[in-house]
Amino acid sequence: MTDTPVGEMSFEQAMAELEKVLGQLERGDVALDESIALYERGAALKARCETKLKEAEEKVAAITLDGDGNAAGTTPVEGL
């Protein structure tokens, strides 16, 4: 696990660490206390990935197209 707070991670960072956490949990070779800590970290990483994906979806949805179907700009999205 890295020392980077989950809330400061990019989607890619959070996803890479989540894959490592899942690998450790699947192997089952960690002590119970460490498994609990890994599970909690994994849940936080999953939430971070979901948040970043939602933000990206909202940005994509805000792209406006001109008459020819080319990106012409973005429309404001509430909350961003």
N, C-alpha and C. Protein backbone atom coordinates (compact mmCIF):
# COMPACT_ATOMS: atom_id res chain seq x y z
N MET A 1 0.85 -1.18 0.00
CA MET A 1 0.00 0.00 0.00
C MET A 1 0.89 1.24 0.00
N THR A 2 0.40 2.28 -0.65
CA THR A 2 1.14 3.53 -0.65
C THR A 2 0.67 4.40 0.49
N ASP A 3 1.44 5.44 0.76
CA ASP A 3 1.07 6.39 1.81
C ASP A 3 0.20 7.51 1.28
N THR A 4 -0.05 7.53 -0.02
CA THR A 4 -0.86 8.58 -0.62
C THR A 4 -2.30 8.47 -0.14
N PRO A 5 -2.86 9.58 0.38
CA PRO A 5 -4.27 9.53 0.77
C PRO A 5 -5.15 9.20 -0.44
N VAL A 6 -6.13 8.36 -0.24
CA VAL A 6 -7.00 7.92 -1.33
C VAL A 6 -7.65 9.11 -2.02
N GLY A 7 -8.05 10.13 -1.28
CA GLY A 7 -8.72 11.29 -1.86
C GLY A 7 -7.84 12.12 -2.78
N GLU A 8 -6.54 11.88 -2.77
CA GLU A 8 -5.61 12.62 -3.63
C GLU A 8 -5.17 11.81 -4.84
N MET A 9 -5.62 10.57 -4.93
CA MET A 9 -5.19 9.69 -6.02
C MET A 9 -5.96 9.96 -7.30
N SER A 10 -5.24 9.79 -8.42
CA SER A 10 -5.92 9.80 -9.72
C SER A 10 -6.66 8.48 -9.86
N PHE A 11 -7.50 8.39 -10.88
CA PHE A 11 -8.22 7.14 -11.13
C PHE A 11 -7.22 6.00 -11.35
N GLU A 12 -6.19 6.26 -12.15
CA GLU A 12 -5.23 5.22 -12.47
C GLU A 12 -4.46 4.74 -11.24
N GLN A 13 -4.08 5.68 -10.37
CA GLN A 13 -3.37 5.31 -9.15
C GLN A 13 -4.26 4.45 -8.24
N ALA A 14 -5.50 4.89 -8.07
CA ALA A 14 -6.43 4.17 -7.21
C ALA A 14 -6.72 2.78 -7.77
N MET A 15 -6.88 2.67 -9.06
CA MET A 15 -7.17 1.38 -9.68
C MET A 15 -5.98 0.43 -9.54
N ALA A 16 -4.78 0.93 -9.74
CA ALA A 16 -3.58 0.09 -9.62
C ALA A 16 -3.43 -0.43 -8.19
N GLU A 17 -3.65 0.45 -7.21
CA GLU A 17 -3.53 0.00 -5.83
C GLU A 17 -4.66 -0.96 -5.46
N LEU A 18 -5.86 -0.70 -5.97
CA LEU A 18 -6.98 -1.60 -5.71
C LEU A 18 -6.67 -3.00 -6.23
N GLU A 19 -6.06 -3.10 -7.40
CA GLU A 19 -5.69 -4.41 -7.94
C GLU A 19 -4.68 -5.11 -7.03
N LYS A 20 -3.73 -4.36 -6.47
CA LYS A 20 -2.75 -4.96 -5.55
C LYS A 20 -3.44 -5.44 -4.28
N VAL A 21 -4.34 -4.62 -3.75
CA VAL A 21 -5.07 -4.99 -2.53
C VAL A 21 -5.88 -6.27 -2.76
N LEU A 22 -6.58 -6.32 -3.88
CA LEU A 22 -7.39 -7.50 -4.20
C LEU A 22 -6.52 -8.74 -4.33
N GLY A 23 -5.35 -8.58 -4.94
CA GLY A 23 -4.44 -9.70 -5.09
C GLY A 23 -4.00 -10.24 -3.74
N GLN A 24 -3.68 -9.35 -2.81
CA GLN A 24 -3.27 -9.77 -1.48
C GLN A 24 -4.41 -10.48 -0.76
N LEU A 25 -5.61 -9.94 -0.87
CA LEU A 25 -6.76 -10.55 -0.19
C LEU A 25 -7.09 -11.92 -0.81
N GLU A 26 -6.98 -12.03 -2.12
CA GLU A 26 -7.30 -13.30 -2.78
C GLU A 26 -6.30 -14.40 -2.41
N ARG A 27 -5.04 -14.02 -2.24
CA ARG A 27 -4.03 -15.02 -1.86
C ARG A 27 -4.28 -15.55 -0.46
N GLY A 28 -4.83 -14.70 0.40
CA GLY A 28 -5.17 -15.13 1.75
C GLY A 28 -3.98 -15.38 2.65
N ASP A 29 -2.85 -14.79 2.32
CA ASP A 29 -1.65 -15.05 3.11
C ASP A 29 -1.31 -13.89 4.06
N VAL A 30 -2.32 -13.13 4.45
CA VAL A 30 -2.09 -12.03 5.39
C VAL A 30 -2.89 -12.30 6.67
N ALA A 31 -2.40 -11.74 7.75
CA ALA A 31 -3.06 -11.92 9.03
C ALA A 31 -4.44 -11.25 9.02
N LEU A 32 -5.28 -11.66 9.94
CA LEU A 32 -6.65 -11.15 10.01
C LEU A 32 -6.69 -9.63 10.14
N ASP A 33 -5.90 -9.07 11.05
CA ASP A 33 -5.90 -7.61 11.22
C ASP A 33 -5.49 -6.90 9.94
N GLU A 34 -4.48 -7.44 9.27
CA GLU A 34 -4.03 -6.83 8.01
C GLU A 34 -5.10 -7.00 6.93
N SER A 35 -5.79 -8.12 6.93
CA SER A 35 -6.87 -8.34 5.97
C SER A 35 -7.97 -7.31 6.15
N ILE A 36 -8.30 -7.02 7.39
CA ILE A 36 -9.33 -6.01 7.66
C ILE A 36 -8.88 -4.65 7.16
N ALA A 37 -7.62 -4.29 7.44
CA ALA A 37 -7.09 -3.00 6.98
C ALA A 37 -7.07 -2.94 5.45
N LEU A 38 -6.70 -4.05 4.80
CA LEU A 38 -6.70 -4.10 3.34
C LEU A 38 -8.11 -3.95 2.78
N TYR A 39 -9.07 -4.62 3.41
CA TYR A 39 -10.45 -4.53 2.97
C TYR A 39 -10.95 -3.08 3.06
N GLU A 40 -10.65 -2.43 4.17
CA GLU A 40 -11.07 -1.03 4.35
C GLU A 40 -10.42 -0.12 3.30
N ARG A 41 -9.13 -0.33 3.06
CA ARG A 41 -8.42 0.45 2.04
C ARG A 41 -9.03 0.17 0.67
N GLY A 42 -9.32 -1.09 0.39
CA GLY A 42 -9.93 -1.45 -0.88
C GLY A 42 -11.28 -0.80 -1.09
N ALA A 43 -12.09 -0.74 -0.03
CA ALA A 43 -13.40 -0.10 -0.14
C ALA A 43 -13.24 1.39 -0.44
N ALA A 44 -12.27 2.04 0.18
CA ALA A 44 -12.02 3.46 -0.07
C ALA A 44 -11.52 3.67 -1.49
N LEU A 45 -10.65 2.80 -1.96
CA LEU A 45 -10.14 2.89 -3.33
C LEU A 45 -11.25 2.69 -4.35
N LYS A 46 -12.13 1.73 -4.09
CA LYS A 46 -13.27 1.48 -4.99
C LYS A 46 -14.16 2.71 -5.08
N ALA A 47 -14.43 3.33 -3.94
CA ALA A 47 -15.25 4.54 -3.92
C ALA A 47 -14.58 5.66 -4.70
N ARG A 48 -13.26 5.79 -4.57
CA ARG A 48 -12.53 6.82 -5.29
C ARG A 48 -12.64 6.59 -6.79
N CYS A 49 -12.46 5.35 -7.23
CA CYS A 49 -12.58 5.03 -8.65
C CYS A 49 -13.98 5.35 -9.17
N GLU A 50 -14.99 5.00 -8.41
CA GLU A 50 -16.37 5.28 -8.83
C GLU A 50 -16.61 6.78 -8.94
N THR A 51 -16.07 7.56 -8.00
CA THR A 51 -16.22 9.01 -8.03
C THR A 51 -15.55 9.60 -9.27
N LYS A 52 -14.31 9.17 -9.54
CA LYS A 52 -13.58 9.68 -10.69
C LYS A 52 -14.27 9.30 -11.99
N LEU A 53 -14.82 8.08 -12.08
CA LEU A 53 -15.55 7.68 -13.27
C LEU A 53 -16.81 8.52 -13.47
N LYS A 54 -17.52 8.80 -12.39
CA LYS A 54 -18.72 9.62 -12.49
C LYS A 54 -18.38 11.02 -12.97
N GLU A 55 -17.29 11.58 -12.45
CA GLU A 55 -16.85 12.90 -12.89
C GLU A 55 -16.54 12.90 -14.38
N ALA A 56 -15.86 11.86 -14.85
CA ALA A 56 -15.52 11.76 -16.27
C ALA A 56 -16.78 11.62 -17.12
N GLU A 57 -17.73 10.81 -16.67
CA GLU A 57 -18.98 10.65 -17.42
C GLU A 57 -19.73 11.97 -17.53
N GLU A 58 -19.73 12.74 -16.45
CA GLU A 58 -20.42 14.04 -16.48
C GLU A 58 -19.74 15.00 -17.44
N LYS A 59 -18.41 14.97 -17.49
CA LYS A 59 -17.69 15.84 -18.42
C LYS A 59 -17.97 15.44 -19.86
N VAL A 60 -17.99 14.14 -20.13
CA VAL A 60 -18.29 13.66 -21.49
C VAL A 60 -19.71 14.05 -21.87
N ALA A 61 -20.64 13.91 -20.95
CA ALA A 61 -22.03 14.24 -21.22
C ALA A 61 -22.20 15.73 -21.50
N ALA A 62 -21.29 16.57 -20.99
CA ALA A 62 -21.40 18.00 -21.15
C ALA A 62 -20.82 18.51 -22.48
N ILE A 63 -20.16 17.64 -23.23
CA ILE A 63 -19.57 18.06 -24.51
C ILE A 63 -20.70 18.30 -25.51
N THR A 64 -20.67 19.48 -26.11
CA THR A 64 -21.69 19.80 -27.12
C THR A 64 -21.10 19.59 -28.51
N LEU A 65 -21.95 19.25 -29.44
CA LEU A 65 -21.52 19.00 -30.80
C LEU A 65 -22.11 20.06 -31.72
N ASP A 66 -21.36 20.39 -32.79
CA ASP A 66 -21.90 21.31 -33.79
C ASP A 66 -22.74 20.51 -34.78
N GLY A 67 -23.23 21.16 -35.81
CA GLY A 67 -24.09 20.52 -36.79
C GLY A 67 -23.45 19.35 -37.52
N ASP A 68 -22.12 19.34 -37.59
CA ASP A 68 -21.40 18.27 -38.27
C ASP A 68 -20.98 17.15 -37.33
N GLY A 69 -21.34 17.26 -36.06
CA GLY A 69 -20.99 16.25 -35.09
C GLY A 69 -19.63 16.42 -34.46
N ASN A 70 -19.00 17.58 -34.69
CA ASN A 70 -17.69 17.84 -34.10
C ASN A 70 -17.88 18.51 -32.73
N ALA A 71 -16.95 18.23 -31.81
CA ALA A 71 -17.02 18.85 -30.50
C ALA A 71 -16.90 20.36 -30.66
N ALA A 72 -17.86 21.08 -30.09
CA ALA A 72 -17.89 22.53 -30.24
C ALA A 72 -17.65 23.25 -28.93
N GLY A 73 -17.64 22.55 -27.85
CA GLY A 73 -17.46 23.17 -26.54
C GLY A 73 -18.12 22.31 -25.50
N THR A 74 -18.22 22.87 -24.31
CA THR A 74 -18.86 22.14 -23.24
C THR A 74 -19.93 23.01 -22.62
N THR A 75 -20.90 22.36 -22.05
CA THR A 75 -21.93 23.07 -21.32
C THR A 75 -21.60 22.94 -19.83
N PRO A 76 -21.94 23.95 -19.05
CA PRO A 76 -21.64 23.86 -17.62
C PRO A 76 -22.38 22.68 -16.98
N VAL A 77 -21.70 22.01 -16.08
CA VAL A 77 -22.28 20.91 -15.34
C VAL A 77 -22.35 21.35 -13.88
N GLU A 78 -23.55 21.29 -13.30
CA GLU A 78 -23.70 21.68 -11.90
C GLU A 78 -22.85 20.81 -11.01
N GLY A 79 -22.24 21.43 -10.00
CA GLY A 79 -21.48 20.69 -9.02
C GLY A 79 -20.03 20.48 -9.38
N LEU A 80 -19.60 20.89 -10.58
CA LEU A 80 -18.19 20.73 -10.95
C LEU A 80 -17.49 22.05 -10.99
